[in-house]
Amino acid sequence: MEDNFSNYFNQTGKVAKEYLETRLDLIKLQAAGKLSKALGLFFSLILAFLLFFFVIVFLGMVLGFWIGEMTNSFTLGFSCSAGLFVILLGIILAFRKPLVQIPLSNMLVRELLSEMDVEEKEEEEDKEKEVNAVKKSADEEEELYEQL
């Protein structure tokens, strides 16, 4: 009898150890998936900002040359263009939270939580299927009782 208990506890210990190792592997994979999503979003945002930066630089050059031709002084043209960029920088710095930080953090959180929403929806669908199956079997049992 003692052999049965010791064998039972040995088997339970092995199963528990395997369960913990599998659970740890699952957590690692989930973390890697979320990290890869976050890095993908980060690099795509960096690329978008880099392209936006080049567009702004070339528009600033166009504006500087245009004002320079109008005033016959490229120094004045590029100074006006630089002044406009300093004003835009001040506006962006003054309103950086509502313009930059909050939308970026919302986008990152939304991207990371979208996976959790999908998992929750799948769990709800599974529960609904189980409830429907139980209701169906209960209805079938009632029909059998009524026939008897």
Protein backbone atom coordinates (compact mmCIF):
# COMPACT_ATOMS: atom_id res chain seq x y z
CA MET A 1 0.00 0.00 0.00
CA GLU A 2 2.88 2.34 0.79
CA ASP A 3 4.32 1.56 -2.64
CA ASN A 4 1.09 2.73 -4.25
CA PHE A 5 1.19 6.03 -2.35
CA SER A 6 4.87 6.65 -3.09
CA ASN A 7 4.33 5.74 -6.75
CA TYR A 8 1.30 8.05 -6.86
CA PHE A 9 3.27 10.97 -5.36
CA ASN A 10 6.21 10.34 -7.69
CA GLN A 11 3.93 10.37 -10.73
CA THR A 12 2.12 13.48 -9.48
CA GLY A 13 5.44 15.23 -8.92
CA LYS A 14 6.57 14.38 -12.45
CA VAL A 15 3.29 15.60 -13.95
CA ALA A 16 3.45 18.81 -11.90
CA LYS A 17 7.04 19.41 -12.99
CA GLU A 18 6.13 18.86 -16.66
CA TYR A 19 3.14 21.16 -16.26
CA LEU A 20 5.28 23.94 -14.78
CA GLU A 21 7.91 23.56 -17.52
CA THR A 22 5.22 23.68 -20.21
CA ARG A 23 3.59 26.69 -18.56
CA LEU A 24 6.96 28.47 -18.41
CA ASP A 25 7.56 27.73 -22.10
CA LEU A 26 4.11 29.11 -22.91
CA ILE A 27 4.81 32.32 -20.98
CA LYS A 28 8.13 32.71 -22.78
CA LEU A 29 6.46 32.26 -26.17
CA GLN A 30 3.70 34.74 -25.30
CA ALA A 31 6.28 37.29 -24.14
CA ALA A 32 8.31 36.78 -27.31
CA GLY A 33 5.18 37.27 -29.42
CA LYS A 34 4.27 40.50 -27.65
CA LEU A 35 7.85 41.75 -27.82
CA SER A 36 8.03 41.04 -31.54
CA LYS A 37 4.74 42.93 -32.09
CA ALA A 38 6.01 45.87 -30.07
CA LEU A 39 9.35 45.93 -31.91
CA GLY A 40 7.62 45.70 -35.28
CA LEU A 41 5.39 48.62 -34.35
CA PHE A 42 8.39 50.55 -33.04
CA PHE A 43 10.44 50.09 -36.21
CA SER A 44 7.52 50.93 -38.47
CA LEU A 45 6.98 54.14 -36.48
CA ILE A 46 10.69 54.98 -36.72
CA LEU A 47 10.55 54.48 -40.48
CA ALA A 48 7.43 56.67 -40.77
CA PHE A 49 9.06 59.42 -38.69
CA LEU A 50 12.23 59.21 -40.77
CA LEU A 51 10.25 59.61 -44.01
CA PHE A 52 8.25 62.45 -42.45
CA PHE A 53 11.54 64.12 -41.44
CA PHE A 54 12.85 64.01 -45.02
CA VAL A 55 9.60 65.46 -46.35
CA ILE A 56 9.80 68.32 -43.84
CA VAL A 57 13.46 68.98 -44.67
CA PHE A 58 12.77 69.20 -48.39
CA LEU A 59 9.68 71.35 -47.86
CA GLY A 60 11.82 73.66 -45.71
CA MET A 61 14.36 73.91 -48.51
CA VAL A 62 11.64 74.67 -51.04
CA LEU A 63 10.19 77.34 -48.74
CA GLY A 64 13.66 78.83 -48.14
CA PHE A 65 14.43 79.03 -51.86
CA TRP A 66 10.98 80.45 -52.65
CA ILE A 67 11.19 83.19 -49.99
CA GLY A 68 14.80 83.80 -51.05
CA GLU A 69 13.77 84.40 -54.66
CA MET A 70 10.92 86.68 -53.59
CA THR A 71 13.19 88.79 -51.37
CA ASN A 72 16.37 88.42 -53.49
CA SER A 73 18.16 87.16 -50.37
CA PHE A 74 18.58 83.45 -49.74
CA THR A 75 19.83 84.27 -46.25
CA LEU A 76 16.54 85.93 -45.44
CA GLY A 77 14.58 83.11 -47.12
CA PHE A 78 16.27 80.34 -45.16
CA SER A 79 16.12 82.40 -41.96
CA CYS A 80 12.34 82.73 -42.36
CA SER A 81 12.09 79.02 -43.08
CA ALA A 82 14.17 78.19 -39.99
CA GLY A 83 12.05 80.57 -37.90
CA LEU A 84 8.92 78.75 -39.03
CA PHE A 85 10.48 75.43 -37.96
CA VAL A 86 11.43 76.88 -34.57
CA ILE A 87 7.82 78.00 -34.06
CA LEU A 88 6.56 74.53 -35.09
CA LEU A 89 9.05 72.91 -32.70
CA GLY A 90 7.77 75.12 -29.87
CA ILE A 91 4.17 74.15 -30.63
CA ILE A 92 5.07 70.45 -30.73
CA LEU A 93 7.00 70.69 -27.45
CA ALA A 94 4.16 72.59 -25.78
CA PHE A 95 1.54 70.06 -26.88
CA ARG A 96 3.68 66.91 -26.99
CA LYS A 97 1.46 64.90 -24.63
CA PRO A 98 -1.81 65.21 -26.56
CA LEU A 99 -0.10 65.26 -29.98
CA VAL A 100 2.57 62.59 -29.59
CA GLN A 101 2.82 60.70 -26.31
CA ILE A 102 -0.82 59.78 -25.70
CA PRO A 103 -1.58 58.63 -29.29
CA LEU A 104 1.62 56.57 -29.44
CA SER A 105 1.03 54.91 -26.08
CA ASN A 106 -2.61 54.22 -27.01
CA MET A 107 -1.50 52.64 -30.29
CA LEU A 108 1.06 50.44 -28.52
CA VAL A 109 -1.39 49.31 -25.84
CA ARG A 110 -4.13 48.68 -28.43
CA GLU A 111 -1.73 46.58 -30.50
CA LEU A 112 -0.59 44.51 -27.52
CA LEU A 113 -4.09 44.03 -26.11
CA SER A 114 -5.64 43.04 -29.43
CA GLU A 115 -4.17 39.57 -28.99
CA MET A 116 -5.76 39.29 -25.55
CA ASP A 117 -9.15 40.32 -26.97
CA VAL A 118 -8.92 37.58 -29.59
CA GLU A 119 -8.16 35.02 -26.90
CA GLU A 120 -11.10 36.22 -24.77
CA LYS A 121 -13.47 36.05 -27.74
CA GLU A 122 -12.33 32.50 -28.48
CA GLU A 123 -12.93 31.53 -24.86
CA GLU A 124 -16.42 33.08 -24.95
CA GLU A 125 -17.23 31.23 -28.17
CA ASP A 126 -16.05 27.97 -26.62
CA LYS A 127 -18.26 28.60 -23.57
CA GLU A 128 -21.23 29.37 -25.81
CA LYS A 129 -20.66 26.15 -27.73
CA GLU A 130 -20.54 24.19 -24.47
CA VAL A 131 -23.73 25.86 -23.21
CA ASN A 132 -25.47 25.15 -26.52
CA ALA A 133 -24.33 21.53 -26.41
CA VAL A 134 -25.64 21.15 -22.85
CA LYS A 135 -28.95 22.76 -23.82
CA LYS A 136 -29.23 20.50 -26.84
CA SER A 137 -28.58 17.38 -24.79
CA ALA A 138 -31.09 18.55 -22.17
CA ASP A 139 -33.70 19.12 -24.89
CA GLU A 140 -33.03 15.66 -26.28
CA GLU A 141 -33.45 14.15 -22.82
CA GLU A 142 -36.78 15.95 -22.36
CA GLU A 143 -37.98 14.64 -25.73
CA LEU A 144 -37.03 11.10 -24.71
CA TYR A 145 -38.91 11.44 -21.39
CA GLU A 146 -41.95 12.82 -23.19
CA GLN A 147 -41.92 9.89 -25.60
CA LEU A 148 -41.86 7.45 -22.71
